[in-house]
Protein backbone atom coordinates (compact mmCIF):
# COMPACT_ATOMS: atom_id res chain seq x y z
CA MET A 1 0.39 0.19 -0.16
CA SER A 2 1.32 3.46 -1.04
CA LYS A 3 1.99 6.01 1.54
CA PRO A 4 -0.41 8.69 0.78
CA ALA A 5 -3.26 5.33 0.79
CA LYS A 6 -1.54 4.82 4.83
CA ARG A 7 -2.10 8.12 5.61
CA ASP A 8 -5.60 9.11 4.15
CA ARG A 9 -6.60 5.73 6.19
CA ARG A 10 -5.32 6.94 9.42
CA ILE A 11 -6.87 10.15 8.85
CA LEU A 12 -10.17 8.48 8.16
CA TRP A 13 -9.43 6.19 11.30
CA ALA A 14 -8.88 9.44 13.10
CA ALA A 15 -11.68 10.75 12.30
CA SER A 16 -14.05 8.24 12.74
CA VAL A 17 -13.02 8.15 16.72
CA PRO A 18 -14.79 11.15 17.59
CA MET A 19 -17.63 10.06 15.20
CA MET A 20 -18.35 7.34 17.12
CA LEU A 21 -18.39 8.66 20.64
CA LEU A 22 -20.49 11.36 19.06
CA ALA A 23 -22.87 9.06 18.04
CA LEU A 24 -22.63 7.15 21.65
CA SER A 25 -23.72 10.11 23.14
CA CYS A 26 -26.81 9.95 20.72
CA VAL A 27 -27.38 6.58 21.39
CA TYR A 28 -27.07 6.36 25.51
CA PRO A 29 -29.86 8.69 26.44
CA ILE A 30 -32.66 6.54 24.40
CA TYR A 31 -30.88 3.53 26.31
CA PHE A 32 -31.47 5.04 29.35
CA ALA A 33 -34.97 6.35 28.57
CA ILE A 34 -35.97 2.81 27.22
CA ASN A 35 -34.35 0.75 30.70
CA ASN A 36 -35.14 2.85 32.99
CA ALA A 37 -38.89 2.79 31.60
CA LEU A 38 -39.23 -0.80 32.41
CA LYS A 39 -38.01 -0.81 35.77
CA ASP A 40 -40.53 -0.10 39.13
CA ARG A 41 -39.42 2.80 41.42
CA LYS A 42 -37.80 0.64 43.69
CA GLY A 43 -35.53 -0.52 41.30
CA TYR A 44 -34.38 2.77 39.90
CA ILE A 45 -33.55 3.86 43.30
CA LEU A 46 -31.75 0.69 44.52
CA ASP A 47 -29.47 1.22 41.09
CA ARG A 48 -30.27 3.51 38.50
CA PHE A 49 -27.59 3.21 35.98
CA GLY A 50 -27.26 -0.48 36.13
CA LEU A 51 -29.35 -2.63 33.26
CA VAL A 52 -32.84 -3.66 33.93
CA THR A 53 -33.87 -7.04 35.48
CA ASP A 54 -36.95 -7.29 35.74
CA PRO A 55 -38.28 -5.62 33.38
CA SER A 56 -42.41 -4.41 33.05
CA ILE A 57 -44.63 -2.45 30.61
CA GLU A 58 -46.43 -1.26 34.11
CA ASN A 59 -44.98 2.42 33.65
CA PHE A 60 -46.08 2.43 30.03
CA VAL A 61 -49.91 1.12 30.72
CA THR A 62 -50.09 3.69 33.73
CA ALA A 63 -48.40 6.63 31.43
CA TRP A 64 -50.93 6.04 28.61
CA SER A 65 -54.56 5.48 30.93
CA ARG A 66 -54.12 7.02 34.62
CA ALA A 67 -52.01 9.93 33.19
CA ARG A 68 -53.89 10.30 30.59
CA PHE A 69 -51.72 10.47 27.52
CA ASP A 70 -54.76 8.62 25.42
CA GLU A 71 -56.30 11.70 25.44
CA TYR A 72 -53.01 13.75 24.89
CA PHE A 73 -51.76 12.01 22.07
CA PHE A 74 -55.25 12.08 20.51
CA ASN A 75 -54.82 16.25 20.90
CA SER A 76 -51.62 15.96 19.50
CA VAL A 77 -52.28 13.99 16.55
CA THR A 78 -55.41 16.29 15.67
CA VAL A 79 -53.46 19.51 15.80
CA THR A 80 -50.20 18.26 14.16
CA ALA A 81 -52.18 16.95 10.99
CA GLY A 82 -54.30 20.07 10.88
CA ALA A 83 -51.01 22.49 10.95
CA VAL A 84 -49.13 20.26 8.52
CA LEU A 85 -51.97 20.31 6.14
CA ALA A 86 -52.07 23.96 6.23
CA LEU A 87 -48.89 24.86 6.01
CA LEU A 88 -48.01 22.49 3.10
CA LEU A 89 -51.34 24.10 1.31
CA VAL A 90 -50.58 27.71 2.12
CA SER A 91 -46.86 27.70 1.85
CA SER A 92 -46.87 26.00 -1.88
CA LEU A 93 -49.44 28.15 -2.90
CA ALA A 94 -47.08 31.40 -1.60
CA GLY A 95 -43.81 29.90 -2.63
CA PHE A 96 -45.63 29.17 -6.28
CA ALA A 97 -46.89 32.85 -6.49
CA LEU A 98 -43.18 34.25 -5.20
CA ALA A 99 -41.05 32.17 -7.30
CA VAL A 100 -43.06 32.10 -10.86
CA LEU A 101 -45.92 35.15 -10.96
CA ARG A 102 -44.45 38.16 -11.21
CA PHE A 103 -46.38 41.40 -9.32
CA PRO A 104 -45.08 44.49 -7.70
CA ALA A 105 -43.33 44.50 -4.57
CA ARG A 106 -42.47 40.79 -4.72
CA LYS A 107 -39.01 41.12 -3.64
CA LEU A 108 -40.20 43.17 -0.54
CA ILE A 109 -43.07 40.41 0.38
CA PHE A 110 -39.93 37.80 0.27
CA GLY A 111 -37.90 40.39 2.11
CA VAL A 112 -40.21 40.51 4.86
CA ILE A 113 -40.66 36.93 5.04
CA LEU A 114 -37.24 36.20 5.45
CA ALA A 115 -36.48 38.61 8.01
CA SER A 116 -39.61 37.12 10.19
CA LEU A 117 -37.17 33.95 10.52
CA MET A 118 -34.98 36.00 12.85
CA ILE A 119 -37.29 37.21 15.23
CA PRO A 120 -37.65 35.10 18.12
CA VAL A 121 -40.68 33.04 19.20
CA GLN A 122 -40.60 34.92 22.55
CA VAL A 123 -40.63 38.53 21.55
CA VAL A 124 -43.67 38.16 20.00
CA LEU A 125 -46.12 36.04 22.86
CA VAL A 126 -47.81 38.52 24.56
CA PRO A 127 -48.84 40.05 21.26
CA PHE A 128 -49.63 36.81 20.29
CA TYR A 129 -51.78 35.71 23.21
CA GLN A 130 -53.71 38.89 23.46
CA THR A 131 -54.77 37.90 19.41
CA ILE A 132 -55.49 34.54 20.40
CA VAL A 133 -58.26 35.64 23.01
CA ALA A 134 -59.47 38.19 21.33
CA LEU A 135 -60.30 35.94 18.41
CA GLU A 136 -61.83 33.73 21.05
CA LEU A 137 -59.54 30.80 19.66
CA LEU A 138 -57.77 29.72 23.33
CA ASN A 139 -58.66 26.40 24.25
CA THR A 140 -59.30 25.51 21.20
CA ARG A 141 -57.37 23.23 18.71
CA ILE A 142 -58.14 24.72 15.80
CA GLY A 143 -56.22 28.46 17.67
CA LEU A 144 -53.30 26.02 18.01
CA ILE A 145 -53.70 24.48 14.54
CA LEU A 146 -53.63 28.44 13.51
CA SER A 147 -51.10 29.40 15.62
CA TYR A 148 -48.42 26.34 14.19
CA THR A 149 -49.02 27.43 10.99
CA ALA A 150 -48.56 31.30 11.45
CA PHE A 151 -45.18 30.32 12.96
CA PHE A 152 -43.84 27.82 11.02
CA LEU A 153 -45.10 29.44 7.70
CA PRO A 154 -42.28 31.78 7.08
CA PHE A 155 -39.66 29.29 6.79
CA SER A 156 -42.36 26.98 4.83
CA THR A 157 -43.02 29.68 2.53
CA TYR A 158 -38.68 30.39 2.32
CA LEU A 159 -38.43 26.65 1.45
CA MET A 160 -40.89 26.15 -1.65
CA THR A 161 -39.98 29.59 -3.37
CA ALA A 162 -36.99 28.54 -3.31
CA PHE A 163 -37.12 24.80 -4.98
CA TYR A 164 -40.09 26.54 -7.27
CA ALA A 165 -37.61 29.28 -7.83
CA ALA A 166 -34.64 26.54 -9.51
CA LEU A 167 -38.05 24.24 -11.73
CA PRO A 168 -37.37 25.49 -15.75
CA ARG A 169 -39.13 28.35 -16.25
CA GLU A 170 -40.27 26.84 -19.68
CA LEU A 171 -42.70 24.54 -17.79
CA VAL A 172 -44.74 27.58 -16.89
CA ASP A 173 -44.66 28.87 -20.68
CA ALA A 174 -45.98 25.82 -21.93
CA ALA A 175 -48.40 25.37 -19.92
CA ARG A 176 -49.76 28.82 -20.22
CA VAL A 177 -49.61 28.60 -24.22
CA ASP A 178 -52.13 25.52 -23.65
CA GLY A 179 -54.51 27.77 -22.10
CA ALA A 180 -54.10 26.64 -18.09
CA LYS A 181 -54.72 29.32 -15.60
CA PHE A 182 -52.03 29.76 -12.98
CA LEU A 183 -53.82 27.63 -10.12
CA GLN A 184 -53.70 24.83 -12.94
CA VAL A 185 -50.47 25.65 -13.41
CA TRP A 186 -49.48 24.98 -9.73
CA TRP A 187 -51.69 22.02 -9.32
CA TYR A 188 -50.90 20.19 -12.11
CA VAL A 189 -47.32 21.27 -13.18
CA MET A 190 -45.59 22.79 -10.14
CA LEU A 191 -47.20 20.91 -6.89
CA PRO A 192 -46.54 16.99 -8.77
CA MET A 193 -42.83 18.18 -9.26
CA GLY A 194 -42.44 19.64 -5.87
CA LYS A 195 -43.43 16.56 -3.91
CA PRO A 196 -39.66 16.38 -2.79
CA ALA A 197 -39.74 19.32 -1.31
CA LEU A 198 -43.42 19.13 0.08
CA LEU A 199 -42.65 15.67 2.01
CA THR A 200 -39.63 16.90 3.81
CA LEU A 201 -41.64 20.02 4.62
CA GLY A 202 -44.25 18.15 5.85
CA ILE A 203 -41.63 15.74 8.24
CA LEU A 204 -39.84 18.76 9.18
CA ASN A 205 -43.37 20.66 10.35
CA THR A 206 -44.42 17.11 11.55
CA LEU A 207 -41.59 17.60 14.23
CA TYR A 208 -41.30 21.30 15.06
CA CYS A 209 -45.55 20.64 15.79
CA TRP A 210 -45.19 17.29 17.68
CA ASN A 211 -42.40 18.84 19.91
CA ASP A 212 -43.79 21.85 20.87
CA VAL A 213 -44.52 23.06 24.22
CA LEU A 214 -44.55 27.07 24.53
CA ILE A 215 -47.17 27.51 21.36
CA SER A 216 -49.05 24.40 23.06
CA LEU A 217 -48.92 25.41 26.73
CA LEU A 218 -50.38 29.21 25.85
CA VAL A 219 -53.18 28.31 23.54
CA LEU A 220 -54.55 24.90 24.75
CA GLN A 221 -54.50 25.30 28.86
CA ASP A 222 -57.80 23.52 29.71
CA GLU A 223 -56.72 20.47 27.23
CA ARG A 224 -52.84 19.36 26.85
CA THR A 225 -50.39 18.05 24.19
CA LEU A 226 -48.62 15.15 24.69
CA MET A 227 -45.17 17.53 25.01
CA VAL A 228 -47.22 19.08 28.02
CA GLY A 229 -48.48 16.12 29.35
CA ILE A 230 -44.95 14.73 29.55
CA ALA A 231 -43.48 18.01 30.88
CA ALA A 232 -46.13 17.86 33.54
CA LEU A 233 -45.23 14.61 35.12
CA ARG A 234 -42.04 16.50 36.49
CA GLY A 235 -42.63 17.01 40.22
CA GLU A 236 -41.70 20.24 42.33
CA TYR A 237 -39.39 17.91 44.72
CA THR A 238 -39.46 14.14 43.38
CA THR A 239 -40.29 12.86 39.61
CA ASN A 240 -41.17 9.24 39.54
CA VAL A 241 -38.37 8.86 36.22
CA PRO A 242 -39.31 5.59 35.38
CA LEU A 243 -42.71 6.62 34.72
CA LEU A 244 -41.38 9.67 33.08
CA SER A 245 -39.00 7.65 30.99
CA ALA A 246 -42.16 5.44 30.02
CA ALA A 247 -44.29 8.78 28.77
CA ILE A 248 -40.52 10.17 26.70
CA VAL A 249 -40.40 6.77 25.28
CA LEU A 250 -44.17 6.90 23.83
CA GLY A 251 -43.91 10.41 22.76
CA ALA A 252 -40.95 9.98 20.83
CA ALA A 253 -41.72 6.83 19.40
CA PRO A 254 -43.95 8.05 16.44
CA ILE A 255 -41.33 10.56 15.67
CA VAL A 256 -38.43 8.15 15.77
CA LEU A 257 -40.87 5.93 13.69
CA LEU A 258 -41.86 8.10 11.15
CA TYR A 259 -37.74 9.67 10.55
CA VAL A 260 -36.44 6.20 10.17
CA ILE A 261 -39.26 5.55 7.62
CA PHE A 262 -38.54 8.36 5.30
CA GLN A 263 -35.09 9.22 6.54
CA ARG A 264 -33.61 9.22 2.93
CA LYS A 265 -36.26 11.02 1.66
CA ILE A 266 -35.74 13.87 4.69
CA VAL A 267 -32.22 14.28 3.48
CA ALA A 268 -32.37 13.96 0.24
CA GLY A 269 -35.14 16.98 -0.05
CA ILE A 270 -32.54 19.02 2.46
CA ALA A 271 -30.07 18.32 0.50
CA THR A 272 -32.18 19.34 -3.13
CA GLY A 273 -33.22 22.48 -1.83
CA ALA A 274 -30.08 23.96 -0.45
CA VAL A 275 -28.33 23.13 -3.74
CA LYS A 276 -30.88 24.42 -5.69
CA GLY A 277 -31.79 27.40 -3.61
């Protein structure tokens, strides 16, 4: 083996060590949560970090039934599905308009959308809450759906605008020559070609909405979403860690499964948007 090849191999091995340590640091919290979720409270107190010797699903049953996680799960599924569908529809239409149509102040509107990405959510919480109360959307699922749509729309519009702008303009011109109206161009031409970006955007927005605590806590105060319910399991002075671990596993399982199924498409969609944008 030549010296350059040996040197490259040593560099590869040297780079793989920190990457392996990083991977272990990500895997260990998953192991810790699942391992402690299978223990009872006494077993956790006696050996917090040891491997479970007498596994039990009692904590999962308790979290799902007595901790009302079945209701919280339904609330999370409802608002997440509604918000993601609304975001896909509105951002796709807005991205098509900003990327394809030519109208006054188009660049200004796109600049305002980009600028809104830099505003922290905490800055607008007071006027946001006042608006929710004034519109009588407090403690309603539709209010939380509209809130998620409003907060996550700038990024969604930016992503779809960047994707549609990279598509050949000739496709739109050809459809217009054939007599298609702009909505028909969007529905029959742009929407099918935008499936990679829409899939990536849908999964990312699902992650944002599902894992949110702050906005949900403000809008849906009487009924909780899953992540707010999990946060409520932490006590002021003591916490039932096995029960909390079981709740965390239940809350993370759907998102992990979703990511595993669509992992390649997520990476491909993000890479496509990055190159074309």
